[in-house]
Amino acid sequence: MADSRIGVLPALILAIGIGFAGMQVAKGIERFRMAERTITVKGLAERDVKSDFAVWTLAFRRADNDFGRVQQALTADRERVLAFLRAQGFTDDEIDARPLQVQDLLAREYGPDQVALRFNGRGQVVVKSARVDLVAASSNRVDPLIEAGIQLGGEGGDGAPLYQLRGFNDVKPMLLEEATLSAREQARKFAADAGARLGALRSANQGTIRILDDDGSEMDSSRTIGKRLRVVSTFEFTLD
């Protein structure tokens, strides 16, 4: 009788241990599931802004079989362009007259033996200004230069100004704040529908801030004064 009681005791202790371990395993799974109760949302924010700087390259070309005539024509063209820009109201600090360049096409190592015009010259006057409205208006008033025989162009081929947003970092915090608020509101509504309460922010991915045309198109945004900033940020919240 005593021996049977002695045999039951280790079995009872073993059963209690297994039961306690099972309870701990169950609690661990519960904590794991609770830790995985999260929601991932994306916050979209857009803001229309205006460019704060412009770069306008007025390039001009001349070609002739006489070096001196090309040089003289380029010099005269540069003076006309400078006079035009000053008449528009630009200051000398905003105007950069680049050195003239004349190339002898027959002097090139791998050039053709015969060319229509031997000397090809080019010049550039670059306007760099924060007065973007003045640049935009002046770029539409170049008809007198064309009528004077100046062959205008630019680095992009059409001579149009390029508009920049140099104050981007000033706008960036506000844009990201809007994206965060948008994402939090979406997450809050989802949590309410699910019968839960929105918890803390677990992780965030800022995303890439894109600078688009003011109509939101994917075209080269440097061509427009107005710009649209867009960011899609990703946030992960816990659910309580």
Protein backbone atom coordinates (compact mmCIF):
# COMPACT_ATOMS: atom_id res chain seq x y z
CA MET A 1 0.00 0.00 0.00
CA ALA A 2 2.79 2.35 0.96
CA ASP A 3 4.72 1.43 -2.18
CA SER A 4 1.76 2.36 -4.37
CA ARG A 5 1.45 5.78 -2.71
CA ILE A 6 5.17 6.35 -3.29
CA GLY A 7 4.72 5.55 -7.00
CA VAL A 8 1.78 7.95 -7.38
CA LEU A 9 3.64 10.95 -5.96
CA PRO A 10 6.27 11.31 -8.74
CA ALA A 11 3.54 10.91 -11.35
CA LEU A 12 1.48 13.65 -9.68
CA ILE A 13 4.46 15.98 -9.52
CA LEU A 14 5.20 15.29 -13.19
CA ALA A 15 1.57 16.01 -14.17
CA ILE A 16 1.58 19.28 -12.24
CA GLY A 17 4.83 20.30 -13.95
CA ILE A 18 3.49 19.51 -17.39
CA GLY A 19 0.33 21.48 -16.67
CA PHE A 20 2.29 24.51 -15.44
CA ALA A 21 4.53 24.39 -18.51
CA GLY A 22 1.46 24.22 -20.72
CA MET A 23 0.03 27.32 -19.06
CA GLN A 24 3.26 29.20 -19.66
CA VAL A 25 3.35 28.11 -23.32
CA ALA A 26 -0.24 29.29 -23.73
CA LYS A 27 0.60 32.66 -22.22
CA GLY A 28 3.60 32.99 -24.53
CA ILE A 29 1.48 32.41 -27.63
CA GLU A 30 -1.00 34.96 -26.38
CA ARG A 31 1.72 37.61 -25.95
CA PHE A 32 3.09 36.80 -29.39
CA ARG A 33 -0.32 37.28 -30.97
CA MET A 34 -0.91 40.47 -29.08
CA ALA A 35 2.47 41.75 -30.23
CA GLU A 36 1.46 41.02 -33.81
CA ARG A 37 -1.77 43.01 -33.55
CA THR A 38 -0.62 45.84 -35.78
CA ILE A 39 -1.94 47.80 -38.72
CA THR A 40 0.11 49.21 -41.59
CA VAL A 41 -1.25 52.25 -43.41
CA LYS A 42 -0.01 54.71 -46.00
CA GLY A 43 -0.35 58.45 -45.58
CA LEU A 44 -0.58 60.63 -48.69
CA ALA A 45 0.20 64.33 -48.60
CA GLU A 46 0.32 66.87 -51.43
CA ARG A 47 1.18 70.54 -51.43
CA ASP A 48 1.26 73.09 -54.23
CA VAL A 49 4.22 75.45 -54.01
CA LYS A 50 5.90 78.07 -56.15
CA SER A 51 9.46 77.93 -57.42
CA ASP A 52 11.82 80.31 -55.68
CA PHE A 53 14.73 80.40 -58.14
CA ALA A 54 15.20 80.42 -61.90
CA VAL A 55 18.11 79.72 -64.24
CA TRP A 56 17.68 81.05 -67.77
CA THR A 57 20.37 80.31 -70.35
CA LEU A 58 20.34 82.45 -73.48
CA ALA A 59 22.65 80.71 -75.92
CA PHE A 60 23.46 82.08 -79.39
CA ARG A 61 25.44 80.77 -82.34
CA ARG A 62 27.24 82.08 -85.41
CA ALA A 63 29.02 80.31 -88.25
CA ASP A 64 31.18 81.59 -91.10
CA ASN A 65 34.28 80.75 -93.09
CA ASP A 66 36.06 83.74 -91.60
CA PHE A 67 37.15 83.56 -87.94
CA GLY A 68 37.08 87.32 -87.43
CA ARG A 69 33.50 87.68 -88.67
CA VAL A 70 32.31 84.92 -86.34
CA GLN A 71 34.06 86.56 -83.39
CA GLN A 72 32.63 89.98 -84.18
CA ALA A 73 29.11 88.63 -84.68
CA LEU A 74 29.19 86.77 -81.38
CA THR A 75 30.44 89.86 -79.54
CA ALA A 76 27.64 91.96 -81.03
CA ASP A 77 25.06 89.31 -80.15
CA ARG A 78 26.27 89.18 -76.56
CA GLU A 79 26.02 92.95 -76.20
CA ARG A 80 22.45 92.91 -77.55
CA VAL A 81 21.47 90.15 -75.13
CA LEU A 82 23.03 91.99 -72.19
CA ALA A 83 21.27 95.22 -73.16
CA PHE A 84 17.96 93.37 -73.45
CA LEU A 85 18.31 91.81 -70.00
CA ARG A 86 19.24 95.08 -68.34
CA ALA A 87 16.24 96.71 -70.01
CA GLN A 88 14.05 94.03 -68.43
CA GLY A 89 15.32 95.02 -65.01
CA PHE A 90 17.95 92.40 -64.24
CA THR A 91 21.02 93.51 -62.30
CA ASP A 92 24.63 92.65 -63.06
CA ASP A 93 24.60 90.29 -60.04
CA GLU A 94 21.90 88.25 -61.77
CA ILE A 95 23.63 88.13 -65.17
CA ASP A 96 26.57 85.92 -66.03
CA ALA A 97 28.15 86.48 -69.47
CA ARG A 98 30.18 83.39 -70.37
CA PRO A 99 33.33 83.54 -72.56
CA LEU A 100 32.77 83.20 -76.28
CA GLN A 101 33.88 79.99 -78.00
CA VAL A 102 34.84 79.58 -81.65
CA GLN A 103 35.71 76.19 -83.09
CA ASP A 104 37.63 75.45 -86.28
CA LEU A 105 35.86 72.40 -87.67
CA LEU A 106 38.76 71.57 -89.98
CA ALA A 107 41.17 71.50 -87.06
CA ARG A 108 39.45 68.60 -85.36
CA GLU A 109 41.50 65.40 -85.39
CA TYR A 110 38.67 63.21 -86.62
CA GLY A 111 36.63 65.89 -88.38
CA PRO A 112 35.55 65.89 -92.02
CA ASP A 113 37.82 67.20 -94.75
CA GLN A 114 35.13 69.55 -96.07
CA VAL A 115 32.52 71.59 -94.21
CA ALA A 116 29.97 74.18 -95.33
CA LEU A 117 31.19 76.76 -92.81
CA ARG A 118 34.59 76.30 -91.25
CA PHE A 119 34.22 78.31 -88.02
CA ASN A 120 31.39 77.58 -85.59
CA GLY A 121 31.00 79.88 -82.60
CA ARG A 122 28.72 80.06 -79.61
CA GLY A 123 28.12 82.28 -76.63
CA GLN A 124 26.02 82.15 -73.48
CA VAL A 125 24.49 84.63 -71.10
CA VAL A 126 23.00 83.01 -68.01
CA VAL A 127 20.45 84.65 -65.75
CA LYS A 128 20.26 83.34 -62.17
CA SER A 129 17.57 85.05 -60.16
CA ALA A 130 15.10 84.58 -57.34
CA ARG A 131 12.71 86.85 -59.25
CA VAL A 132 10.99 83.98 -61.02
CA ASP A 133 8.07 86.08 -62.27
CA LEU A 134 10.43 88.52 -63.97
CA VAL A 135 12.31 85.65 -65.60
CA ALA A 136 9.07 84.12 -66.86
CA ALA A 137 7.83 87.42 -68.29
CA SER A 138 11.17 88.28 -69.90
CA SER A 139 11.47 84.88 -71.58
CA ASN A 140 8.31 85.76 -73.54
CA ARG A 141 9.71 89.08 -74.74
CA VAL A 142 12.72 87.93 -76.77
CA ASP A 143 11.20 88.73 -80.17
CA PRO A 144 13.43 91.82 -80.67
CA LEU A 145 16.52 89.64 -80.27
CA ILE A 146 15.26 87.15 -82.83
CA GLU A 147 14.36 89.96 -85.22
CA ALA A 148 17.94 91.20 -84.88
CA GLY A 149 19.14 87.89 -86.29
CA ILE A 150 20.31 86.34 -83.01
CA GLN A 151 19.92 82.57 -83.08
CA LEU A 152 18.73 81.93 -79.56
CA GLY A 153 18.67 78.56 -77.87
CA GLY A 154 19.58 77.07 -74.55
CA GLU A 155 21.04 74.06 -72.82
CA GLY A 156 17.72 72.28 -73.23
CA GLY A 157 17.44 73.33 -76.87
CA ASP A 158 14.48 75.70 -76.61
CA GLY A 159 15.98 78.35 -74.33
CA ALA A 160 13.18 78.07 -71.75
CA PRO A 161 14.00 78.97 -68.14
CA LEU A 162 14.46 76.23 -65.56
CA TYR A 163 12.68 76.76 -62.25
CA GLN A 164 13.95 75.40 -58.96
CA LEU A 165 12.66 75.00 -55.42
CA ARG A 166 15.63 75.81 -53.25
CA GLY A 167 13.50 76.17 -50.12
CA PHE A 168 12.52 72.50 -50.30
CA ASN A 169 13.75 71.75 -46.78
CA ASP A 170 11.48 74.48 -45.39
CA VAL A 171 8.40 72.76 -46.83
CA LYS A 172 9.45 69.17 -46.13
CA PRO A 173 8.51 69.03 -42.39
CA MET A 174 4.98 70.32 -43.05
CA LEU A 175 4.48 67.79 -45.85
CA LEU A 176 5.59 64.88 -43.67
CA GLU A 177 3.38 66.07 -40.82
CA GLU A 178 0.37 66.04 -43.15
CA ALA A 179 1.22 62.51 -44.28
CA THR A 180 1.51 61.36 -40.67
CA LEU A 181 -1.85 62.87 -39.70
CA SER A 182 -3.48 61.30 -42.76
CA ALA A 183 -2.11 57.86 -41.90
CA ARG A 184 -3.07 58.12 -38.22
CA GLU A 185 -6.65 59.07 -39.11
CA GLN A 186 -6.95 56.07 -41.43
CA ALA A 187 -5.55 53.77 -38.77
CA ARG A 188 -7.89 55.20 -36.12
CA LYS A 189 -10.95 54.55 -38.29
CA PHE A 190 -9.81 51.00 -39.02
CA ALA A 191 -9.21 50.30 -35.34
CA ALA A 192 -12.67 51.62 -34.42
CA ASP A 193 -14.32 49.43 -37.07
CA ALA A 194 -12.41 46.44 -35.73
CA GLY A 195 -13.49 47.16 -32.16
CA ALA A 196 -9.95 47.96 -31.06
CA ARG A 197 -8.09 51.02 -29.90
CA LEU A 198 -5.19 52.52 -31.83
CA GLY A 199 -1.94 52.11 -29.99
CA ALA A 200 1.53 53.54 -30.37
CA LEU A 201 3.44 54.11 -33.57
CA ARG A 202 5.67 51.10 -34.10
CA SER A 203 7.61 52.04 -37.23
CA ALA A 204 7.59 54.62 -40.00
CA ASN A 205 9.00 54.90 -43.49
CA GLN A 206 9.11 58.46 -44.80
CA GLY A 207 9.05 57.50 -48.47
CA THR A 208 10.34 59.65 -51.32
CA ILE A 209 9.12 63.20 -51.79
CA ARG A 210 8.47 63.77 -55.48
CA ILE A 211 8.45 67.15 -57.21
CA LEU A 212 5.93 67.21 -60.06
CA ASP A 213 4.47 69.73 -62.45
CA ASP A 214 1.80 71.90 -60.90
CA ASP A 215 -0.87 69.78 -62.61
CA GLY A 216 0.54 66.62 -61.02
CA SER A 217 1.91 65.20 -64.27
CA GLU A 218 5.16 63.26 -64.54
CA MET A 219 6.75 65.72 -66.96
CA ASP A 220 9.95 67.65 -66.25
CA SER A 221 8.95 69.81 -63.29
CA SER A 222 11.83 72.22 -63.87
CA ARG A 223 9.84 73.80 -66.71
CA THR A 224 7.00 75.12 -64.55
CA ILE A 225 6.99 77.84 -61.88
CA GLY A 226 4.27 76.06 -59.95
CA LYS A 227 5.18 72.68 -58.50
CA ARG A 228 3.35 69.95 -56.66
CA LEU A 229 5.07 68.07 -53.88
CA ARG A 230 3.81 64.58 -53.15
CA VAL A 231 4.85 62.00 -50.58
CA VAL A 232 3.46 58.60 -49.61
CA SER A 233 4.73 57.52 -46.19
CA THR A 234 4.18 54.12 -44.55
CA PHE A 235 3.36 53.76 -40.85
CA GLU A 236 2.79 50.76 -38.59
CA PHE A 237 0.65 51.17 -35.47
CA THR A 238 -0.16 48.73 -32.70
CA LEU A 239 -3.75 47.85 -31.83
CA ASP A 240 -4.74 47.65 -28.17
